[in-house]
């Protein structure tokens, strides 16, 4: 499912989906769920997980500075601390929105 509108509102990302439903995703949850190789890691051909050192997150790590849409499949945030390598597939955003305590 694809979004038709995405807007940051306070500490949340509001997403209106093509079926008319709406989701609100906590920005802190989003940042902590960043799917980039540095944050989430990536597996080599043998299945070993490699990831960067644990990032020290500051208050501005959870502030959305700007964002872009990548192709027809993803959302790429740029956080106020400069981090911008995570691309959230739209289905990943939808799953985050459906988590309890979001």
C-alpha atoms as a PDB file:
ATOM      1  CA  UNK A   1       0.000   0.000   0.000  1.00  0.00           C
ATOM      2  CA  UNK A   2       1.272   3.470  -0.866  1.00  0.00           C
ATOM      3  CA  UNK A   3       0.826   6.755   0.981  1.00  0.00           C
ATOM      4  CA  UNK A   4      -0.951   9.649  -0.693  1.00  0.00           C
ATOM      5  CA  UNK A   5       0.223  12.202   1.872  1.00  0.00           C
ATOM      6  CA  UNK A   6       2.958  12.274   4.526  1.00  0.00           C
ATOM      7  CA  UNK A   7       3.344  15.117   7.019  1.00  0.00           C
ATOM      8  CA  UNK A   8       5.335  15.499  10.235  1.00  0.00           C
ATOM      9  CA  UNK A   9       3.080  16.691  13.046  1.00  0.00           C
ATOM     10  CA  UNK A  10       4.835  17.375  16.337  1.00  0.00           C
ATOM     11  CA  UNK A  11       6.569  14.188  17.433  1.00  0.00           C
ATOM     12  CA  UNK A  12       4.740  11.985  14.913  1.00  0.00           C
ATOM     13  CA  UNK A  13       4.671  11.266  11.228  1.00  0.00           C
ATOM     14  CA  UNK A  14       1.122  11.346   9.845  1.00  0.00           C
ATOM     15  CA  UNK A  15       0.544   9.103   6.845  1.00  0.00           C
ATOM     16  CA  UNK A  16      -2.621   8.983   4.754  1.00  0.00           C
ATOM     17  CA  UNK A  17      -2.751   5.762   2.753  1.00  0.00           C
ATOM     18  CA  UNK A  18      -4.339   5.198  -0.652  1.00  0.00           C
ATOM     19  CA  UNK A  19      -7.192   3.213   0.927  1.00  0.00           C
ATOM     20  CA  UNK A  20      -8.165   6.297   2.970  1.00  0.00           C
ATOM     21  CA  UNK A  21      -6.784   5.030   6.285  1.00  0.00           C
ATOM     22  CA  UNK A  22      -4.400   7.130   8.364  1.00  0.00           C
ATOM     23  CA  UNK A  23      -1.417   6.194  10.499  1.00  0.00           C
ATOM     24  CA  UNK A  24       0.533   8.152  13.087  1.00  0.00           C
ATOM     25  CA  UNK A  25       4.075   6.965  13.778  1.00  0.00           C
ATOM     26  CA  UNK A  26       6.125   8.196  16.711  1.00  0.00           C
ATOM     27  CA  UNK A  27       9.361   9.727  15.372  1.00  0.00           C
ATOM     28  CA  UNK A  28      11.452   8.284  18.197  1.00  0.00           C
ATOM     29  CA  UNK A  29      10.153   4.810  17.347  1.00  0.00           C
ATOM     30  CA  UNK A  30      10.955   5.434  13.678  1.00  0.00           C
ATOM     31  CA  UNK A  31      14.520   6.515  14.369  1.00  0.00           C
ATOM     32  CA  UNK A  32      15.150   3.543  16.638  1.00  0.00           C
ATOM     33  CA  UNK A  33      13.783   1.252  13.884  1.00  0.00           C
ATOM     34  CA  UNK A  34      16.037   2.717  11.183  1.00  0.00           C
ATOM     35  CA  UNK A  35      16.622  -0.023   8.588  1.00  0.00           C
ATOM     36  CA  UNK A  36      19.978   1.265   7.275  1.00  0.00           C
ATOM     37  CA  UNK A  37      23.066  -0.948   7.333  1.00  0.00           C
ATOM     38  CA  UNK A  38      24.713   1.127  10.075  1.00  0.00           C
ATOM     39  CA  UNK A  39      21.719   0.954  12.416  1.00  0.00           C
ATOM     40  CA  UNK A  40      20.114  -2.404  11.629  1.00  0.00           C
ATOM     41  CA  UNK A  41      23.153  -4.107  10.131  1.00  0.00           C
ATOM     42  CA  UNK A  42      23.413  -6.222   7.033  1.00  0.00           C
ATOM     43  CA  UNK A  43      24.151  -9.885   6.505  1.00  0.00           C
ATOM     44  CA  UNK A  44      27.025 -11.204   4.446  1.00  0.00           C
ATOM     45  CA  UNK A  45      26.752 -14.239   2.185  1.00  0.00           C
ATOM     46  CA  UNK A  46      27.395 -16.533   5.150  1.00  0.00           C
ATOM     47  CA  UNK A  47      24.544 -15.011   7.155  1.00  0.00           C
ATOM     48  CA  UNK A  48      26.780 -13.124   9.602  1.00  0.00           C
ATOM     49  CA  UNK A  49      25.303  -9.809  10.724  1.00  0.00           C
ATOM     50  CA  UNK A  50      27.578  -6.790  10.438  1.00  0.00           C
ATOM     51  CA  UNK A  51      26.607  -3.405  11.809  1.00  0.00           C
ATOM     52  CA  UNK A  52      28.254  -0.198  12.850  1.00  0.00           C
ATOM     53  CA  UNK A  53      28.902   0.852  16.420  1.00  0.00           C
ATOM     54  CA  UNK A  54      25.852   1.648  18.488  1.00  0.00           C
ATOM     55  CA  UNK A  55      24.904   5.253  17.791  1.00  0.00           C
ATOM     56  CA  UNK A  56      24.570   7.655  20.690  1.00  0.00           C
ATOM     57  CA  UNK A  57      21.226   9.291  20.103  1.00  0.00           C
ATOM     58  CA  UNK A  58      20.643  12.869  21.228  1.00  0.00           C
ATOM     59  CA  UNK A  59      17.338  14.775  21.378  1.00  0.00           C
ATOM     60  CA  UNK A  60      17.884  16.096  17.823  1.00  0.00           C
ATOM     61  CA  UNK A  61      18.233  12.476  16.642  1.00  0.00           C
ATOM     62  CA  UNK A  62      14.435  12.277  16.825  1.00  0.00           C
ATOM     63  CA  UNK A  63      13.693  15.528  14.991  1.00  0.00           C
ATOM     64  CA  UNK A  64      12.724  15.129  11.349  1.00  0.00           C
ATOM     65  CA  UNK A  65      14.553  17.859   9.406  1.00  0.00           C
ATOM     66  CA  UNK A  66      13.219  16.863   5.968  1.00  0.00           C
ATOM     67  CA  UNK A  67      12.305  13.794   3.961  1.00  0.00           C
ATOM     68  CA  UNK A  68      11.968  12.453   0.464  1.00  0.00           C
ATOM     69  CA  UNK A  69      10.166   9.674  -1.352  1.00  0.00           C
ATOM     70  CA  UNK A  70      12.392   7.042  -2.964  1.00  0.00           C
ATOM     71  CA  UNK A  71      10.963   5.620  -6.176  1.00  0.00           C
ATOM     72  CA  UNK A  72       7.521   4.170  -5.645  1.00  0.00           C
ATOM     73  CA  UNK A  73       8.415   2.175  -2.559  1.00  0.00           C
ATOM     74  CA  UNK A  74      10.010   4.126   0.255  1.00  0.00           C
ATOM     75  CA  UNK A  75      10.340   7.061   2.600  1.00  0.00           C
ATOM     76  CA  UNK A  76      13.787   8.493   3.391  1.00  0.00           C
ATOM     77  CA  UNK A  77      14.016  10.765   6.422  1.00  0.00           C
ATOM     78  CA  UNK A  78      16.835  13.158   7.187  1.00  0.00           C
ATOM     79  CA  UNK A  79      17.123  13.628  10.907  1.00  0.00           C
ATOM     80  CA  UNK A  80      18.313  16.858  12.525  1.00  0.00           C
ATOM     81  CA  UNK A  81      21.524  15.122  13.653  1.00  0.00           C
ATOM     82  CA  UNK A  82      22.416  14.511   9.970  1.00  0.00           C
ATOM     83  CA  UNK A  83      21.544  10.807   9.743  1.00  0.00           C
ATOM     84  CA  UNK A  84      19.885  10.127   6.374  1.00  0.00           C
ATOM     85  CA  UNK A  85      20.798   6.661   5.119  1.00  0.00           C
ATOM     86  CA  UNK A  86      17.660   4.769   6.164  1.00  0.00           C
ATOM     87  CA  UNK A  87      15.003   4.060   3.563  1.00  0.00           C
ATOM     88  CA  UNK A  88      11.736   2.883   5.098  1.00  0.00           C
ATOM     89  CA  UNK A  89       9.744   0.776   2.648  1.00  0.00           C
ATOM     90  CA  UNK A  90       6.093   1.784   2.797  1.00  0.00           C
ATOM     91  CA  UNK A  91       5.089  -1.619   4.196  1.00  0.00           C
ATOM     92  CA  UNK A  92       7.695  -1.139   6.970  1.00  0.00           C
ATOM     93  CA  UNK A  93       6.108   2.219   7.846  1.00  0.00           C
ATOM     94  CA  UNK A  94       2.692   0.570   7.997  1.00  0.00           C
ATOM     95  CA  UNK A  95       4.024  -2.156  10.328  1.00  0.00           C
ATOM     96  CA  UNK A  96       5.602   0.456  12.623  1.00  0.00           C
ATOM     97  CA  UNK A  97       2.285   2.287  12.815  1.00  0.00           C
ATOM     98  CA  UNK A  98       0.531  -0.912  13.882  1.00  0.00           C
ATOM     99  CA  UNK A  99       2.907  -1.667  16.784  1.00  0.00           C
ATOM    100  CA  UNK A 100       1.386  -1.495  20.259  1.00  0.00           C
ATOM    101  CA  UNK A 101       2.494   1.586  22.222  1.00  0.00           C
ATOM    102  CA  UNK A 102       3.350   3.451  19.039  1.00  0.00           C
END
